[in-house]
Protein backbone atom coordinates (compact mmCIF):
# COMPACT_ATOMS: atom_id res chain seq x y z
CA MET A 1 -25.51 -11.78 4.33
CA SER A 2 -28.14 -12.49 1.69
CA ASP A 3 -27.54 -15.65 -0.55
CA CYS A 4 -28.43 -13.68 -3.49
CA ILE A 5 -25.47 -11.15 -2.31
CA GLY A 6 -23.53 -14.53 -1.99
CA ARG A 7 -24.11 -15.75 -5.61
CA ALA A 8 -23.26 -11.91 -6.66
CA ALA A 9 -19.81 -11.94 -5.62
CA ARG A 10 -19.23 -15.85 -6.08
CA ALA A 11 -16.64 -14.16 -9.10
CA ILE A 12 -16.12 -11.30 -10.90
CA VAL A 13 -16.70 -11.39 -14.79
CA PHE A 14 -16.41 -9.05 -17.13
CA SER A 15 -17.93 -6.10 -20.00
CA VAL A 16 -17.24 -3.66 -22.38
CA ALA A 17 -17.83 -0.32 -21.29
CA MET A 18 -16.70 2.91 -22.35
CA GLY A 19 -16.07 6.59 -20.65
CA VAL A 20 -14.30 7.59 -17.10
CA ALA A 21 -15.37 8.03 -14.07
CA ALA A 22 -13.41 8.46 -10.13
CA VAL A 23 -14.28 8.35 -6.80
CA CYS A 24 -13.28 9.05 -3.67
CA ASN A 25 -13.99 5.53 -1.54
CA ALA A 26 -13.87 5.32 2.51
CA GLN A 27 -10.87 4.32 3.70
CA SER A 28 -11.60 1.34 6.35
CA ALA A 29 -10.74 1.99 9.70
CA PRO A 30 -11.02 1.27 13.23
CA ASN A 31 -13.30 -1.37 14.42
CA THR A 32 -14.85 -0.40 18.07
CA ALA A 33 -11.54 -0.79 20.20
CA THR A 34 -9.55 2.06 17.99
CA LYS A 35 -9.12 5.17 17.43
CA PRO A 36 -9.54 7.42 14.25
CA PRO A 37 -6.71 7.66 11.51
CA HIS A 38 -3.41 9.13 12.95
CA GLU A 39 -3.72 11.92 10.47
CA ALA A 40 -1.53 14.81 12.04
CA ALA A 41 0.97 11.94 12.10
CA TRP A 42 0.63 11.19 8.37
CA ALA A 43 1.24 14.71 7.28
CA THR A 44 4.72 14.78 8.69
CA ILE A 45 5.53 11.06 7.32
CA VAL A 46 4.68 12.08 3.71
CA ASP A 47 5.38 15.46 3.47
CA HIS A 48 8.18 15.56 0.82
CA ASP A 49 9.35 19.22 2.59
CA VAL A 50 9.68 17.38 5.81
CA PRO A 51 13.50 16.53 6.34
CA LEU A 52 13.76 12.91 5.64
CA GLU A 53 15.27 11.95 9.08
CA GLN A 54 12.20 13.12 10.63
CA ARG A 55 9.90 11.87 8.62
CA ARG A 56 11.50 8.23 9.24
CA LYS A 57 11.52 8.67 13.34
CA ALA A 58 7.57 9.82 12.82
CA LEU A 59 6.98 6.54 10.88
CA ALA A 60 9.00 4.33 13.33
CA ALA A 61 7.16 5.67 16.12
CA LEU A 62 4.05 4.87 14.09
CA GLU A 63 5.33 1.31 13.66
CA ASP A 64 5.66 0.71 17.68
CA ASP A 65 2.25 1.35 18.09
CA ALA A 66 1.44 -0.60 15.31
CA GLY A 67 -0.07 -3.06 17.51
CA ASP A 68 -2.73 -0.89 18.72
CA LEU A 69 -3.47 0.60 15.00
CA GLY A 70 -7.00 0.51 13.25
CA PRO A 71 -6.96 -0.60 9.53
CA ALA A 72 -6.42 2.49 8.27
CA ASP A 73 -3.27 3.34 9.38
CA LEU A 74 -2.31 -0.12 9.03
CA TYR A 75 -3.09 0.42 5.60
CA VAL A 76 -1.36 3.50 5.12
CA LEU A 77 1.56 1.53 6.64
CA GLY A 78 1.30 -0.73 3.99
CA SER A 79 0.93 1.96 1.21
CA ILE A 80 4.46 3.33 2.22
CA TYR A 81 6.06 0.72 2.22
CA HIS A 82 4.63 -0.68 -1.30
CA SER A 83 5.24 2.49 -2.65
CA GLY A 84 9.04 2.46 -1.75
CA ARG A 85 10.86 5.32 -3.45
CA HIS A 86 7.77 7.24 -4.73
CA SER A 87 6.76 8.44 -1.17
CA GLY A 88 9.03 11.50 -1.60
CA GLY A 89 12.16 8.86 -1.12
CA LEU A 90 10.66 8.13 2.54
CA LEU A 91 12.37 4.61 1.73
CA ASP A 92 15.25 3.15 -0.80
CA GLN A 93 12.77 0.49 -2.46
CA VAL A 94 9.51 -1.68 -1.87
CA ASP A 95 8.94 -3.91 0.64
CA PRO A 96 6.60 -6.16 -0.12
CA ILE A 97 7.40 -8.14 3.08
CA LYS A 98 6.08 -4.91 5.34
CA ALA A 99 3.40 -3.97 2.80
CA SER A 100 1.85 -7.77 3.07
CA LEU A 101 2.14 -7.45 6.63
CA TYR A 102 0.09 -4.20 7.17
CA PHE A 103 -2.41 -5.01 4.51
CA GLY A 104 -2.96 -8.32 6.00
CA ASN A 105 -3.76 -7.42 8.93
CA ALA A 106 -5.70 -3.77 7.19
CA ALA A 107 -7.82 -6.22 5.52
CA THR A 108 -9.09 -7.98 8.28
CA ARG A 109 -9.66 -5.14 10.55
CA GLY A 110 -12.09 -3.73 8.22
CA SER A 111 -9.94 -1.95 5.03
CA ILE A 112 -11.53 -2.91 2.22
CA PRO A 113 -8.73 -1.09 -0.36
CA ALA A 114 -6.12 -3.14 1.53
CA MET A 115 -7.92 -6.07 -0.12
CA ALA A 116 -6.80 -4.93 -3.50
CA LYS A 117 -3.33 -3.56 -2.80
CA MET A 118 -2.93 -6.82 -1.44
CA ALA A 119 -3.87 -8.45 -5.16
CA GLU A 120 -1.85 -5.89 -6.49
CA LEU A 121 1.39 -6.81 -4.41
CA LYS A 122 0.85 -10.55 -5.03
CA LEU A 123 0.15 -10.16 -8.70
CA ALA A 124 3.24 -8.42 -9.06
CA SER A 125 5.42 -10.51 -7.04
CA HIS A 126 3.74 -13.22 -9.81
CA GLU A 127 1.91 -15.14 -6.96
CA TYR A 128 -0.97 -15.50 -9.20
CA ARG A 129 -3.48 -17.76 -7.25
CA GLU A 130 -3.15 -15.54 -4.06
CA ALA A 131 -3.54 -12.38 -5.99
CA MET A 132 -6.82 -13.85 -7.24
CA ASN A 133 -7.65 -14.77 -4.20
CA TRP A 134 -7.34 -11.14 -2.83
CA ALA A 135 -8.75 -9.62 -6.01
CA GLN A 136 -12.15 -12.20 -5.01
CA ILE A 137 -12.22 -10.82 -1.95
CA TYR A 138 -12.28 -7.36 -2.53
CA GLY A 139 -14.56 -7.72 -5.56
CA HIS A 140 -16.97 -9.65 -2.92
CA TYR A 141 -17.21 -6.74 -0.84
CA ILE A 142 -17.02 -4.05 -3.27
CA LEU A 143 -19.85 -5.92 -5.35
CA ALA A 144 -22.02 -6.31 -1.93
CA GLU A 145 -21.61 -2.94 -0.78
CA ALA A 146 -21.09 -0.41 -3.50
CA PRO A 147 -23.28 1.09 -5.77
CA LYS A 148 -23.42 -0.43 -9.34
CA LYS A 149 -22.17 2.77 -11.22
CA ASP A 150 -19.24 3.46 -8.21
CA ALA A 151 -15.25 3.46 -10.30
CA SER A 152 -14.12 0.60 -8.15
CA HIS A 153 -16.83 -1.76 -9.67
CA GLY A 154 -14.70 -1.41 -12.83
CA TYR A 155 -11.33 -1.54 -11.24
CA ALA A 156 -11.93 -4.55 -9.39
CA ALA A 157 -13.08 -6.09 -13.01
CA GLU A 158 -9.96 -5.03 -14.58
CA LEU A 159 -7.58 -6.24 -11.67
CA VAL A 160 -8.95 -9.85 -11.88
CA LYS A 161 -8.70 -9.62 -15.72
CA ARG A 162 -4.93 -8.38 -15.14
CA ILE A 163 -4.54 -11.56 -12.90
CA SER A 164 -6.78 -14.14 -15.19
CA LEU A 165 -3.78 -13.37 -17.89
CA HIS A 166 -1.66 -15.19 -16.27
CA PHE A 167 -3.48 -17.31 -13.54
CA GLY A 168 -6.65 -18.59 -15.91
CA ASN A 169 -10.16 -18.94 -15.42
CA ASN A 170 -10.11 -21.85 -13.13
CA THR A 171 -11.88 -20.02 -9.43
CA ASP A 172 -13.02 -22.95 -8.42
CA ASP A 173 -9.86 -22.96 -5.53
CA VAL A 174 -9.85 -19.55 -5.62
CA MET A 175 -13.51 -19.63 -4.39
CA ARG A 176 -13.07 -22.12 -1.53
CA ASP A 177 -10.12 -19.42 -0.07
CA VAL A 178 -12.16 -17.28 -0.55
CA ASP A 179 -14.99 -18.36 1.25
CA ALA A 180 -13.04 -19.83 4.27
CA TYR A 181 -11.56 -16.43 4.46
CA ILE A 182 -15.06 -14.53 4.66
CA ALA A 183 -16.37 -17.38 6.71
CA ALA A 184 -13.56 -16.77 9.27
CA HIS A 185 -13.18 -12.06 9.01
CA ASP A 186 -16.69 -10.96 7.62
CA ALA A 187 -18.03 -10.11 11.26
CA GLN A 188 -14.72 -8.35 11.56
CA ILE A 189 -14.55 -6.85 8.62
CA ARG A 190 -18.19 -5.58 8.58
CA ALA A 191 -17.60 -3.77 11.73
CA GLY A 192 -14.93 -2.03 10.95
CA ALA A 193 -15.93 -0.92 7.53
CA GLN A 194 -18.79 0.83 9.95
CA GLU A 195 -17.18 2.25 12.22
CA ASP A 196 -14.89 3.56 9.37
CA ALA A 197 -17.92 5.09 8.07
CA MET A 198 -18.53 6.69 11.19
CA PHE A 199 -15.01 8.54 10.78
CA ARG A 200 -15.35 9.30 7.85
CA ALA A 201 -18.90 11.29 7.55
CA ALA A 202 -16.91 13.41 11.01
CA GLN A 203 -14.58 14.30 8.36
CA VAL A 204 -13.86 17.53 6.80
CA ARG A 205 -15.83 17.81 3.83
CA LEU A 206 -14.25 18.36 0.53
CA ASP A 207 -15.96 19.47 -2.50
CA ASN A 208 -14.62 19.01 -6.19
CA ALA A 209 -12.39 16.07 -4.64
CA TYR A 210 -12.64 14.29 -8.07
CA LEU A 211 -9.19 12.45 -9.40
CA THR A 212 -8.09 12.75 -13.34
CA THR A 213 -4.74 11.94 -15.15
CA PRO A 214 -3.25 14.96 -16.69
CA GLY A 215 -5.47 16.99 -19.19
CA GLN A 216 -8.53 14.24 -18.25
CA THR A 217 -6.85 11.60 -20.61
CA LEU A 218 -8.04 8.05 -20.25
CA PRO A 219 -5.67 6.24 -17.60
CA PRO A 220 -3.57 2.83 -19.69
CA LEU A 221 -5.49 1.13 -16.66
CA SER A 222 -7.68 1.57 -13.78
CA CYS A 223 -5.72 2.30 -10.68
CA ILE A 224 -6.53 3.23 -6.82
CA ALA A 225 -4.37 5.93 -5.18
CA ASP A 226 -4.14 7.62 -1.79
CA PHE A 227 -3.53 10.99 -0.73
CA LEU A 228 -3.47 13.34 2.26
CA VAL A 229 -4.80 16.76 1.56
CA VAL A 230 -3.61 19.80 4.04
CA LEU A 231 -6.51 22.28 4.22
CA ARG A 232 -6.24 26.14 5.10
CA PRO A 233 -8.30 27.93 7.23
CA ASP A 234 -9.84 29.62 4.31
CA GLY A 235 -11.27 25.62 2.81
CA THR A 236 -8.65 25.84 0.40
CA VAL A 237 -6.10 22.92 0.03
CA ASP A 238 -2.56 23.93 1.14
CA ARG A 239 -1.10 20.33 -0.04
CA ALA A 240 -2.67 17.15 -1.92
CA LEU A 241 -0.28 14.85 -0.61
CA PRO A 242 0.74 11.27 -2.31
CA ILE A 243 1.51 8.15 -0.69
CA ASP A 244 0.79 5.48 -3.14
CA ILE A 245 -0.68 4.24 -6.02
CA ALA A 246 -1.26 0.93 -7.94
CA PRO A 247 -1.07 -0.55 -9.91
CA GLU A 248 1.06 2.44 -12.12
CA GLN A 249 3.13 4.64 -9.98
CA ALA A 250 4.55 6.38 -12.32
CA MET A 251 0.92 8.42 -12.22
CA LEU A 252 1.17 9.46 -8.53
CA GLU A 253 2.76 12.93 -8.56
CA SER A 254 0.30 13.96 -11.40
CA MET A 255 -2.49 13.17 -10.46
CA GLY A 256 -2.11 14.92 -7.20
CA HIS A 257 -1.91 18.09 -8.34
CA VAL A 258 -5.60 17.73 -9.36
CA LEU A 259 -6.51 17.63 -5.69
CA THR A 260 -5.28 20.81 -5.76
CA LYS A 261 -8.31 22.26 -6.74
CA ALA A 262 -10.60 20.97 -4.03
CA HIS A 263 -11.73 22.88 -1.25
CA ALA A 264 -13.93 22.39 2.01
CA ALA A 265 -15.58 24.90 4.27
CA GLN A 266 -13.91 27.85 5.99
CA THR A 267 -13.04 27.70 9.47
CA THR A 268 -12.06 30.07 12.14
CA ASP A 269 -9.24 27.74 13.28
CA ALA A 270 -5.82 28.03 12.46
CA ALA A 271 -4.70 24.17 12.85
CA PRO A 272 -4.26 22.36 10.24
CA ARG A 273 -7.16 20.26 8.66
CA TYR A 274 -6.50 16.56 6.89
CA ALA A 275 -8.21 14.61 5.03
CA MET A 276 -7.15 10.90 4.52
CA MET A 277 -8.49 9.94 0.85
CA THR A 278 -8.32 6.46 -0.89
CA MET A 279 -9.58 6.95 -4.59
CA VAL A 280 -10.27 4.84 -7.61
CA LEU A 281 -9.98 6.00 -11.05
CA ASP A 282 -11.89 3.91 -13.36
CA ASN A 283 -10.55 3.79 -17.18
CA GLY A 284 -14.53 2.56 -18.35
CA ARG A 285 -12.70 -0.74 -19.97
CA TYR A 286 -14.67 -3.65 -18.02
CA ARG A 287 -17.43 -3.87 -15.57
CA THR A 288 -18.78 -6.48 -13.44
CA ARG A 289 -22.09 -7.86 -14.13
């Protein structure tokens, strides 16, 4: 990592901006020793039309193999337990312990979105220093990797702003924690993120896959949302299955309907095709600088 990037990612500050943008971010996935995400299994687990007992059995089977899962699957596991009852009644409530376990492991294996979800999780549980740690770790990788106009910049800035309302702006201790985490895990994180980029490049390409709120109004808060898109052979969307959203779960169902307008190339293969999507919606209020 260059000194320039290191200094740029030391802390996130804010500037006011206008407008709205949404982008589909690559969800970080397995390192060299792991496999692509288990998208077919997730299609059963998150499909609201599948009987609940069958969904829970599929989830349990995937968790039994959690030690061998890559960061993409670990991230979705964390998202399921973070979503709780919002994942189609799969769970009765949020399980912050399991969510933290899976997000934490996903993050160290290369899932950058998992870092943001950890910050959201810790903020919700009033663990403000931990929340700020994870927000700054997320910001470190976003500032270093994502283009300046990427929606994740606005989301990262607003995430830090929301945490700072409780924690304050004294980030000296936080940045020591952040530096220690990066020193310990940076090589593994970057290897996992690079591997994920290779998997995502091979994933079915979707056009018109942009996320907006109903009526294209600005959301009250920038957010990060997860969906599994199931495609028909003709390239149209069969289902856009919602998984999780942070920080406001109430928008999950309505926002997913927009993804049904996406489309992909036709195929002669009758087997379902899947696209696991982690998307950021930016309300345009804040920007990193």
